PDB file of N, CA and C in Angstrom:
ATOM      1  N   MET A   1     112.232 144.422  44.014  1.00  0.00           N
ATOM      2  CA  MET A   1     110.991 144.967  45.002  1.00  0.00           C
ATOM      3  C   MET A   1     110.202 145.617  43.270  1.00  0.00           C
ATOM      4  N   SER A   2     109.430 145.481  43.141  1.00  0.00           N
ATOM      5  CA  SER A   2     109.237 146.662  41.839  1.00  0.00           C
ATOM      6  C   SER A   2     108.708 147.956  42.182  1.00  0.00           C
ATOM      7  N   LYS A   3     109.059 148.617  41.239  1.00  0.00           N
ATOM      8  CA  LYS A   3     108.898 150.423  41.063  1.00  0.00           C
ATOM      9  C   LYS A   3     107.061 150.295  42.101  1.00  0.00           C
ATOM     10  N   LEU A   4     106.202 149.535  41.649  1.00  0.00           N
ATOM     11  CA  LEU A   4     104.973 149.751  42.073  1.00  0.00           C
ATOM     12  C   LEU A   4     104.776 149.532  43.701  1.00  0.00           C
ATOM     13  N   ASP A   5     105.375 148.514  43.902  1.00  0.00           N
ATOM     14  CA  ASP A   5     105.771 148.794  45.723  1.00  0.00           C
ATOM     15  C   ASP A   5     106.904 149.375  46.487  1.00  0.00           C
ATOM     16  N   GLU A   6     107.763 149.639  45.452  1.00  0.00           N
ATOM     17  CA  GLU A   6     108.695 150.873  46.301  1.00  0.00           C
ATOM     18  C   GLU A   6     108.137 152.326  46.320  1.00  0.00           C
ATOM     19  N   VAL A   7     106.542 152.645  45.059  1.00  0.00           N
ATOM     20  CA  VAL A   7     106.087 153.820  45.232  1.00  0.00           C
ATOM     21  C   VAL A   7     105.201 153.610  46.705  1.00  0.00           C
ATOM     22  N   LYS A   8     104.644 152.802  47.111  1.00  0.00           N
ATOM     23  CA  LYS A   8     103.555 151.881  47.799  1.00  0.00           C
ATOM     24  C   LYS A   8     104.323 152.042  49.171  1.00  0.00           C
ATOM     25  N   GLU A   9     104.733 152.012  48.821  1.00  0.00           N
ATOM     26  CA  GLU A   9     105.800 152.127  50.647  1.00  0.00           C
ATOM     27  C   GLU A   9     106.564 153.623  51.014  1.00  0.00           C
ATOM     28  N   ARG A  10     106.941 154.375  49.913  1.00  0.00           N
ATOM     29  CA  ARG A  10     107.062 155.424  50.541  1.00  0.00           C
ATOM     30  C   ARG A  10     105.711 156.202  50.733  1.00  0.00           C
ATOM     31  N   ILE A  11     105.171 156.099  50.103  1.00  0.00           N
ATOM     32  CA  ILE A  11     103.464 156.872  51.009  1.00  0.00           C
ATOM     33  C   ILE A  11     103.296 155.944  52.046  1.00  0.00           C
ATOM     34  N   SER A  12     103.130 155.038  52.297  1.00  0.00           N
ATOM     35  CA  SER A  12     103.287 154.734  53.753  1.00  0.00           C
ATOM     36  C   SER A  12     103.909 154.801  54.854  1.00  0.00           C
ATOM     37  N   TYR A  13     105.442 155.191  54.224  1.00  0.00           N
ATOM     38  CA  TYR A  13     105.740 155.580  55.349  1.00  0.00           C
ATOM     39  C   TYR A  13     105.951 157.222  55.493  1.00  0.00           C
ATOM     40  N   LEU A  14     105.647 157.687  54.434  1.00  0.00           N
ATOM     41  CA  LEU A  14     105.149 159.361  54.879  1.00  0.00           C
ATOM     42  C   LEU A  14     104.150 159.533  55.701  1.00  0.00           C
ATOM     43  N   ARG A  15     102.792 158.397  54.937  1.00  0.00           N
ATOM     44  CA  ARG A  15     101.849 159.022  56.184  1.00  0.00           C
ATOM     45  C   ARG A  15     102.183 158.744  57.495  1.00  0.00           C
ATOM     46  N   GLY A  16     102.440 157.554  57.649  1.00  0.00           N
ATOM     47  CA  GLY A  16     103.332 157.569  58.982  1.00  0.00           C
ATOM     48  C   GLY A  16     104.031 158.722  59.529  1.00  0.00           C
ATOM     49  N   PHE A  17     104.841 159.013  58.862  1.00  0.00           N
ATOM     50  CA  PHE A  17     105.697 160.156  59.353  1.00  0.00           C
ATOM     51  C   PHE A  17     104.645 161.350  59.765  1.00  0.00           C
ATOM     52  N   LEU A  18     103.707 161.920  58.868  1.00  0.00           N
ATOM     53  CA  LEU A  18     102.827 162.778  58.874  1.00  0.00           C
ATOM     54  C   LEU A  18     101.610 162.360  60.320  1.00  0.00           C
ATOM     55  N   THR A  19     101.623 161.290  60.402  1.00  0.00           N
ATOM     56  CA  THR A  19     100.841 160.975  61.616  1.00  0.00           C
ATOM     57  C   THR A  19     101.843 161.741  62.906  1.00  0.00           C
ATOM     58  N   ILE A  20     102.812 161.431  63.190  1.00  0.00           N
ATOM     59  CA  ILE A  20     104.044 161.745  64.149  1.00  0.00           C
ATOM     60  C   ILE A  20     103.650 162.945  64.258  1.00  0.00           C
ATOM     61  N   ILE A  21     103.637 163.756  63.260  1.00  0.00           N
ATOM     62  CA  ILE A  21     103.893 165.103  63.220  1.00  0.00           C
ATOM     63  C   ILE A  21     102.690 165.673  63.645  1.00  0.00           C
ATOM     64  N   PHE A  22     101.241 165.406  63.410  1.00  0.00           N
ATOM     65  CA  PHE A  22      99.943 165.715  63.689  1.00  0.00           C
ATOM     66  C   PHE A  22      99.811 165.496  65.042  1.00  0.00           C
ATOM     67  N   GLY A  23     100.287 164.154  65.482  1.00  0.00           N
ATOM     68  CA  GLY A  23     100.264 163.918  66.803  1.00  0.00           C
ATOM     69  C   GLY A  23     101.112 165.338  68.103  1.00  0.00           C
ATOM     70  N   MET A  24     102.421 165.103  67.287  1.00  0.00           N
ATOM     71  CA  MET A  24     103.153 166.824  67.737  1.00  0.00           C
ATOM     72  C   MET A  24     102.652 167.534  68.304  1.00  0.00           C
ATOM     73  N   LEU A  25     101.993 167.997  67.379  1.00  0.00           N
ATOM     74  CA  LEU A  25     101.164 169.195  66.548  1.00  0.00           C
ATOM     75  C   LEU A  25     100.134 169.537  68.075  1.00  0.00           C
ATOM     76  N   MET A  26      99.370 168.369  67.595  1.00  0.00           N
ATOM     77  CA  MET A  26      98.338 168.397  69.165  1.00  0.00           C
ATOM     78  C   MET A  26      98.839 168.527  70.527  1.00  0.00           C
ATOM     79  N   LEU A  27      99.991 167.835  70.756  1.00  0.00           N
ATOM     80  CA  LEU A  27     100.441 168.023  72.231  1.00  0.00           C
ATOM     81  C   LEU A  27     100.857 169.624  72.330  1.00  0.00           C
ATOM     82  N   VAL A  28     101.807 170.148  71.150  1.00  0.00           N
ATOM     83  CA  VAL A  28     102.138 171.052  71.471  1.00  0.00           C
ATOM     84  C   VAL A  28     101.151 172.067  71.678  1.00  0.00           C
ATOM     85  N   ILE A  29      99.679 172.053  71.132  1.00  0.00           N
ATOM     86  CA  ILE A  29      98.655 172.813  70.671  1.00  0.00           C
ATOM     87  C   ILE A  29      97.898 172.733  72.423  1.00  0.00           C
ATOM     88  N   GLY A  30      97.855 171.897  72.882  1.00  0.00           N
ATOM     89  CA  GLY A  30      97.379 171.356  73.918  1.00  0.00           C
ATOM     90  C   GLY A  30      98.205 172.038  75.424  1.00  0.00           C
ATOM     91  N   GLY A  31      99.295 172.070  75.197  1.00  0.00           N
ATOM     92  CA  GLY A  31     100.639 172.678  76.527  1.00  0.00           C
ATOM     93  C   GLY A  31     100.240 174.404  76.117  1.00  0.00           C
ATOM     94  N   LEU A  32     100.191 174.848  75.020  1.00  0.00           N
ATOM     95  CA  LEU A  32     100.113 176.488  74.812  1.00  0.00           C
ATOM     96  C   LEU A  32      99.125 176.228  75.536  1.00  0.00           C
ATOM     97  N   VAL A  33      97.442 175.663  75.234  1.00  0.00           N
ATOM     98  CA  VAL A  33      96.168 176.161  75.867  1.00  0.00           C
ATOM     99  C   VAL A  33      96.802 175.766  77.496  1.00  0.00           C
ATOM    100  N   ASN A  34      96.862 175.012  78.067  1.00  0.00           N
ATOM    101  CA  ASN A  34      97.420 175.215  79.851  1.00  0.00           C
ATOM    102  C   ASN A  34      97.954 175.733  79.825  1.00  0.00           C
ATOM    103  N   LEU A  35      99.359 176.415  78.936  1.00  0.00           N
ATOM    104  CA  LEU A  35      99.550 177.362  79.759  1.00  0.00           C
ATOM    105  C   LEU A  35      98.616 178.754  79.930  1.00  0.00           C
ATOM    106  N   TYR A  36      97.966 179.046  78.460  1.00  0.00           N
ATOM    107  CA  TYR A  36      97.103 179.940  78.232  1.00  0.00           C
ATOM    108  C   TYR A  36      96.190 179.930  79.506  1.00  0.00           C
ATOM    109  N   LEU A  37      95.592 179.109  79.638  1.00  0.00           N
ATOM    110  CA  LEU A  37      94.829 179.337  80.691  1.00  0.00           C
ATOM    111  C   LEU A  37      95.389 179.079  82.408  1.00  0.00           C
ATOM    112  N   LYS A  38      96.349 178.897  82.372  1.00  0.00           N
ATOM    113  CA  LYS A  38      97.530 179.442  83.493  1.00  0.00           C
ATOM    114  C   LYS A  38      97.842 180.904  83.507  1.00  0.00           C
ATOM    115  N   ASP A  39      96.900 181.347  82.935  1.00  0.00           N
ATOM    116  CA  ASP A  39      97.795 182.774  82.742  1.00  0.00           C
ATOM    117  C   ASP A  39      99.489 182.834  82.842  1.00  0.00           C
ATOM    118  N   ASN A  40      99.822 182.121  82.354  1.00  0.00           N
ATOM    119  CA  ASN A  40     100.983 181.337  82.017  1.00  0.00           C
ATOM    120  C   ASN A  40     101.890 181.736  80.734  1.00  0.00           C
ATOM    121  N   ILE A  41     102.195 183.210  80.491  1.00  0.00           N
ATOM    122  CA  ILE A  41     102.608 183.601  78.958  1.00  0.00           C
ATOM    123  C   ILE A  41     103.761 183.884  79.269  1.00  0.00           C
ATOM    124  N   SER A  42     105.085 183.172  78.753  1.00  0.00           N
ATOM    125  CA  SER A  42     106.232 183.472  78.987  1.00  0.00           C
ATOM    126  C   SER A  42     106.944 183.354  78.036  1.00  0.00           C
ATOM    127  N   GLU A  43     108.272 183.310  77.667  1.00  0.00           N
ATOM    128  CA  GLU A  43     108.660 182.766  76.269  1.00  0.00           C
ATOM    129  C   GLU A  43     108.872 181.234  76.239  1.00  0.00           C
ATOM    130  N   VAL A  44     108.147 180.582  76.979  1.00  0.00           N
ATOM    131  CA  VAL A  44     107.953 179.223  76.632  1.00  0.00           C
ATOM    132  C   VAL A  44     106.208 179.057  75.501  1.00  0.00           C
ATOM    133  N   PHE A  45     105.979 179.885  75.791  1.00  0.00           N
ATOM    134  CA  PHE A  45     104.632 180.076  75.447  1.00  0.00           C
ATOM    135  C   PHE A  45     104.669 180.391  73.728  1.00  0.00           C
ATOM    136  N   TRP A  46     105.947 181.346  73.790  1.00  0.00           N
ATOM    137  CA  TRP A  46     105.788 181.822  72.697  1.00  0.00           C
ATOM    138  C   TRP A  46     106.902 181.303  71.820  1.00  0.00           C
ATOM    139  N   LEU A  47     107.554 180.663  72.535  1.00  0.00           N
ATOM    140  CA  LEU A  47     108.693 179.036  71.565  1.00  0.00           C
ATOM    141  C   LEU A  47     107.622 178.297  71.310  1.00  0.00           C
ATOM    142  N   GLY A  48     106.385 177.922  71.856  1.00  0.00           N
ATOM    143  CA  GLY A  48     105.606 177.111  71.139  1.00  0.00           C
ATOM    144  C   GLY A  48     104.767 177.493  69.898  1.00  0.00           C
ATOM    145  N   PHE A  49     104.823 178.763  69.957  1.00  0.00           N
ATOM    146  CA  PHE A  49     103.640 179.170  68.578  1.00  0.00           C
ATOM    147  C   PHE A  49     105.372 178.947  67.557  1.00  0.00           C
ATOM    148  N   ILE A  50     106.007 179.112  67.824  1.00  0.00           N
ATOM    149  CA  ILE A  50     107.289 178.907  66.596  1.00  0.00           C
ATOM    150  C   ILE A  50     106.980 177.237  66.206  1.00  0.00           C
ATOM    151  N   VAL A  51     107.055 176.746  67.419  1.00  0.00           N
ATOM    152  CA  VAL A  51     107.295 174.958  67.034  1.00  0.00           C
ATOM    153  C   VAL A  51     106.187 174.579  66.405  1.00  0.00           C
ATOM    154  N   ILE A  52     105.062 175.682  66.624  1.00  0.00           N
ATOM    155  CA  ILE A  52     103.935 175.470  65.567  1.00  0.00           C
ATOM    156  C   ILE A  52     103.741 175.325  64.339  1.00  0.00           C
ATOM    157  N   ILE A  53     104.884 176.653  64.107  1.00  0.00           N
ATOM    158  CA  ILE A  53     104.446 177.057  62.240  1.00  0.00           C
ATOM    159  C   ILE A  53     105.936 176.161  62.039  1.00  0.00           C
ATOM    160  N   PHE A  54     106.497 175.786  62.670  1.00  0.00           N
ATOM    161  CA  PHE A  54     107.678 174.629  61.510  1.00  0.00           C
ATOM    162  C   PHE A  54     106.482 173.606  61.366  1.00  0.00           C
ATOM    163  N   LEU A  55     105.893 172.738  62.572  1.00  0.00           N
ATOM    164  CA  LEU A  55     105.729 171.384  62.367  1.00  0.00           C
ATOM    165  C   LEU A  55     104.228 171.828  61.148  1.00  0.00           C
ATOM    166  N   LEU A  56     103.675 173.033  61.208  1.00  0.00           N
ATOM    167  CA  LEU A  56     102.583 172.975  60.172  1.00  0.00           C
ATOM    168  C   LEU A  56     103.263 173.051  58.639  1.00  0.00           C
ATOM    169  N   ILE A  57     104.680 173.619  58.501  1.00  0.00           N
ATOM    170  CA  ILE A  57     105.134 173.809  57.585  1.00  0.00           C
ATOM    171  C   ILE A  57     105.631 172.682  57.115  1.00  0.00           C
ATOM    172  N   ALA A  58     106.460 172.123  58.048  1.00  0.00           N
ATOM    173  CA  ALA A  58     106.988 169.940  57.893  1.00  0.00           C
ATOM    174  C   ALA A  58     105.686 169.145  57.606  1.00  0.00           C
ATOM    175  N   ALA A  59     104.454 169.807  57.600  1.00  0.00           N
ATOM    176  CA  ALA A  59     103.039 168.722  57.635  1.00  0.00           C
ATOM    177  C   ALA A  59     103.068 169.175  56.079  1.00  0.00           C
ATOM    178  N   PHE A  60     103.137 170.186  55.699  1.00  0.00           N
ATOM    179  CA  PHE A  60     102.681 170.819  54.796  1.00  0.00           C
ATOM    180  C   PHE A  60     103.604 170.049  53.298  1.00  0.00           C
ATOM    181  N   ARG A  61     105.013 169.692  54.088  1.00  0.00           N
ATOM    182  CA  ARG A  61     105.755 169.606  52.806  1.00  0.00           C
ATOM    183  C   ARG A  61     105.452 168.420  52.787  1.00  0.00           C
ATOM    184  N   VAL A  62     105.306 167.742  53.532  1.00  0.00           N
ATOM    185  CA  VAL A  62     105.159 166.229  53.894  1.00  0.00           C
ATOM    186  C   VAL A  62     103.834 165.353  52.717  1.00  0.00           C
ATOM    187  N   MET A  63     102.733 166.350  53.016  1.00  0.00           N
ATOM    188  CA  MET A  63     101.678 166.033  52.251  1.00  0.00           C
ATOM    189  C   MET A  63     101.826 166.405  50.479  1.00  0.00           C
ATOM    190  N   VAL A  64     102.678 167.193  50.392  1.00  0.00           N
ATOM    191  CA  VAL A  64     103.255 167.686  48.497  1.00  0.00           C
ATOM    192  C   VAL A  64     103.819 166.783  48.063  1.00  0.00           C
ATOM    193  N   LYS A  65     105.163 165.963  49.226  1.00  0.00           N
ATOM    194  CA  LYS A  65     105.464 164.847  48.981  1.00  0.00           C
ATOM    195  C   LYS A  65     104.623 163.621  48.260  1.00  0.00           C
ATOM    196  N   VAL A  66     103.371 163.293  49.701  1.00  0.00           N
ATOM    197  CA  VAL A  66     102.436 162.066  49.346  1.00  0.00           C
ATOM    198  C   VAL A  66     101.458 162.266  48.040  1.00  0.00           C
ATOM    199  N   GLU A  67     101.308 163.829  47.736  1.00  0.00           N
ATOM    200  CA  GLU A  67     100.542 163.542  46.604  1.00  0.00           C
ATOM    201  C   GLU A  67     101.446 163.564  45.107  1.00  0.00           C
ATOM    202  N   ILE A  68     103.071 163.953  45.543  1.00  0.00           N
ATOM    203  CA  ILE A  68     103.572 163.706  44.234  1.00  0.00           C
ATOM    204  C   ILE A  68     103.921 162.338  44.107  1.00  0.00           C
ATOM    205  N   HIS A  69     103.699 161.552  45.317  1.00  0.00           N
ATOM    206  CA  HIS A  69     103.962 159.967  44.801  1.00  0.00           C
ATOM    207  C   HIS A  69     102.883 159.323  44.806  1.00  0.00           C
ATOM    208  N   ILE A  70     101.406 159.734  44.727  1.00  0.00           N
ATOM    209  CA  ILE A  70     100.182 159.289  44.597  1.00  0.00           C
ATOM    210  C   ILE A  70      99.634 159.595  42.750  1.00  0.00           C
ATOM    211  N   LYS A  71     100.309 160.415  42.410  1.00  0.00           N
ATOM    212  CA  LYS A  71     100.214 160.587  41.273  1.00  0.00           C
ATOM    213  C   LYS A  71     101.601 159.900  40.366  1.00  0.00           C
ATOM    214  N   GLU A  72     102.606 160.115  40.586  1.00  0.00           N
ATOM    215  CA  GLU A  72     103.599 158.821  40.190  1.00  0.00           C
ATOM    216  C   GLU A  72     102.814 157.402  40.191  1.00  0.00           C
ATOM    217  N   LEU A  73     102.194 156.820  41.808  1.00  0.00           N
ATOM    218  CA  LEU A  73     101.221 155.731  41.405  1.00  0.00           C
ATOM    219  C   LEU A  73     100.603 155.485  40.476  1.00  0.00           C
ATOM    220  N   GLY A  74      99.990 156.977  40.151  1.00  0.00           N
ATOM    221  CA  GLY A  74      98.566 156.896  39.019  1.00  0.00           C
ATOM    222  C   GLY A  74      99.269 156.571  37.880  1.00  0.00           C
ATOM    223  N   ASP A  75     100.786 157.204  37.360  1.00  0.00           N
ATOM    224  CA  ASP A  75     100.849 157.271  36.139  1.00  0.00           C
ATOM    225  C   ASP A  75     101.640 155.302  35.771  1.00  0.00           C
ATOM    226  N   LEU A  76     101.910 154.797  36.738  1.00  0.00           N
ATOM    227  CA  LEU A  76     102.453 153.137  36.672  1.00  0.00           C
ATOM    228  C   LEU A  76     101.464 151.994  36.182  1.00  0.00           C
TER     229      LEU A  76
END
């Protein structure tokens, strides 16, 4: 496999992973909204906020890696 194909494959893999992270983020946010509307603010509600923070950090790191690989692709 050439270097060009390898970088394209990495970008594709990371984009798929980013899609999964955003899907998980939407599910957790939906769950938090549901708990809030039911006035059920407990430990699970606050744990959801912590999960959201970790998912946002993970999404940002993946986006940075995609940008690095895109720049690498431009250099080839």
